[in-house]
């Protein structure tokens, strides 16, 4: 019985540590994009993206939409995701949700699109 409990605790602990969230500044986040480290996702609303642009190549999942959690749950949990929002709050919440759902690796732009834009990194406009 002790062996079974130990094995369960070991496996549970291993699965928690195999899930990784990284909070990166804009320079380090850009480096991950340049290395094609993972799937880039913009968590802002369509109106926000139209008003301010987005990081080139980003897919959109509006994290404020009613079905956003279901959309995220359908993603491949074994891939790495680079996520961002306007200022870092939504993406931090999304990263925690993704970790809870068993995603292998999530990289969060710590201060969001605002920091990205302030650093002068490339953005694309959306109409």
Protein backbone atom coordinates (compact mmCIF):
# COMPACT_ATOMS: atom_id res chain seq x y z
CA UNK A 1 0.00 0.00 0.00
CA UNK A 2 2.84 2.39 0.84
CA UNK A 3 4.38 1.75 -2.58
CA UNK A 4 1.11 2.66 -4.30
CA UNK A 5 0.78 5.90 -2.33
CA UNK A 6 4.41 6.80 -3.06
CA UNK A 7 3.95 6.07 -6.76
CA UNK A 8 0.80 8.21 -6.88
CA UNK A 9 2.54 11.12 -5.15
CA UNK A 10 5.56 10.78 -7.44
CA UNK A 11 3.44 10.77 -10.61
CA UNK A 12 1.29 13.68 -9.36
CA UNK A 13 4.36 15.71 -8.50
CA UNK A 14 6.01 14.93 -11.82
CA UNK A 15 2.97 16.08 -13.80
CA UNK A 16 2.87 19.37 -11.90
CA UNK A 17 6.53 20.05 -12.60
CA UNK A 18 6.33 19.04 -16.24
CA UNK A 19 4.00 21.97 -16.89
CA UNK A 20 5.87 25.22 -17.32
CA UNK A 21 4.80 28.86 -17.30
CA UNK A 22 7.37 31.53 -18.10
CA UNK A 23 6.72 35.25 -17.68
CA UNK A 24 9.04 37.13 -20.02
CA UNK A 25 9.76 40.77 -20.77
CA UNK A 26 9.27 42.02 -24.31
CA UNK A 27 12.89 41.44 -25.40
CA UNK A 28 12.94 37.83 -24.22
CA UNK A 29 9.44 37.21 -25.62
CA UNK A 30 10.59 38.56 -29.01
CA UNK A 31 13.57 36.20 -28.86
CA UNK A 32 11.21 33.24 -28.37
CA UNK A 33 9.14 34.37 -31.38
CA UNK A 34 12.30 34.79 -33.48
CA UNK A 35 13.33 31.25 -32.52
CA UNK A 36 9.88 30.04 -33.59
CA UNK A 37 9.50 28.64 -30.10
CA UNK A 38 5.73 28.08 -30.26
CA UNK A 39 2.26 29.19 -31.33
CA UNK A 40 1.73 32.94 -30.84
CA UNK A 41 -1.71 33.91 -29.48
CA UNK A 42 -3.20 37.37 -28.95
CA UNK A 43 -5.84 37.23 -26.20
CA UNK A 44 -7.30 40.70 -26.83
CA UNK A 45 -10.66 41.58 -28.33
CA UNK A 46 -11.09 42.27 -32.03
CA UNK A 47 -11.69 45.96 -31.25
CA UNK A 48 -8.42 46.18 -29.33
CA UNK A 49 -6.51 44.57 -32.17
CA UNK A 50 -8.10 46.84 -34.78
CA UNK A 51 -7.31 49.92 -32.71
CA UNK A 52 -3.69 49.13 -31.84
CA UNK A 53 -2.48 46.35 -34.14
CA UNK A 54 -0.96 43.03 -33.11
CA UNK A 55 2.31 41.16 -33.10
CA UNK A 56 2.91 39.86 -36.60
CA UNK A 57 1.75 36.28 -37.05
CA UNK A 58 -0.36 36.10 -33.90
CA UNK A 59 -3.59 34.13 -33.88
CA UNK A 60 -6.48 35.62 -31.94
CA UNK A 61 -8.42 34.02 -29.13
CA UNK A 62 -10.52 36.68 -27.40
CA UNK A 63 -10.07 35.66 -23.76
CA UNK A 64 -13.09 37.79 -22.79
CA UNK A 65 -15.38 35.83 -25.14
CA UNK A 66 -17.90 33.45 -23.57
CA UNK A 67 -16.38 30.39 -25.26
CA UNK A 68 -12.70 31.27 -24.81
CA UNK A 69 -11.95 28.53 -22.28
CA UNK A 70 -13.50 25.88 -24.52
CA UNK A 71 -11.49 27.20 -27.48
CA UNK A 72 -8.28 27.05 -25.45
CA UNK A 73 -9.04 23.55 -24.15
CA UNK A 74 -9.22 22.30 -27.77
CA UNK A 75 -5.61 23.36 -28.44
CA UNK A 76 -2.84 20.75 -28.50
CA UNK A 77 -1.57 20.60 -24.91
CA UNK A 78 1.83 19.31 -26.04
CA UNK A 79 2.72 22.44 -28.00
CA UNK A 80 4.34 25.57 -26.60
CA UNK A 81 2.20 28.71 -26.59
CA UNK A 82 3.37 32.31 -26.50
CA UNK A 83 0.48 34.39 -25.19
CA UNK A 84 -0.14 38.08 -24.64
CA UNK A 85 -2.88 40.60 -23.97
CA UNK A 86 -2.92 44.39 -23.53
CA UNK A 87 -1.11 44.71 -20.19
CA UNK A 88 -0.44 41.20 -18.91
CA UNK A 89 -3.45 40.55 -16.67
CA UNK A 90 -5.57 38.45 -19.01
CA UNK A 91 -2.59 36.50 -20.28
CA UNK A 92 -1.47 35.75 -16.72
CA UNK A 93 -4.97 34.45 -15.96
CA UNK A 94 -4.98 32.46 -19.20
CA UNK A 95 -1.55 30.97 -18.43
CA UNK A 96 -2.80 29.77 -15.04
CA UNK A 97 -5.88 28.26 -16.71
CA UNK A 98 -3.71 26.51 -19.30
CA UNK A 99 -1.41 25.14 -16.60
CA UNK A 100 -4.43 23.82 -14.70
CA UNK A 101 -5.63 22.11 -17.89
CA UNK A 102 -2.29 20.36 -18.42
CA UNK A 103 -0.60 22.42 -21.15
CA UNK A 104 3.08 21.53 -21.40
CA UNK A 105 4.56 25.02 -21.80
CA UNK A 106 3.10 28.53 -21.79
CA UNK A 107 5.18 31.66 -22.29
CA UNK A 108 3.50 34.89 -21.19
CA UNK A 109 4.44 38.42 -22.29
CA UNK A 110 4.60 39.80 -18.76
CA UNK A 111 3.59 43.43 -19.41
CA UNK A 112 1.60 42.74 -22.55
CA UNK A 113 1.28 44.37 -25.92
CA UNK A 114 1.78 47.81 -24.38
CA UNK A 115 5.40 46.99 -23.49
CA UNK A 116 5.93 45.36 -26.89
CA UNK A 117 4.74 48.49 -28.68
CA UNK A 118 6.71 50.84 -26.37
CA UNK A 119 9.91 48.94 -27.21
CA UNK A 120 9.27 49.63 -30.91
CA UNK A 121 9.00 45.99 -31.96
CA UNK A 122 7.22 45.11 -35.17
CA UNK A 123 3.43 45.18 -35.22
CA UNK A 124 0.92 44.74 -37.97
CA UNK A 125 -2.31 46.64 -38.42
CA UNK A 126 -5.62 44.86 -38.80
CA UNK A 127 -8.68 46.30 -40.47
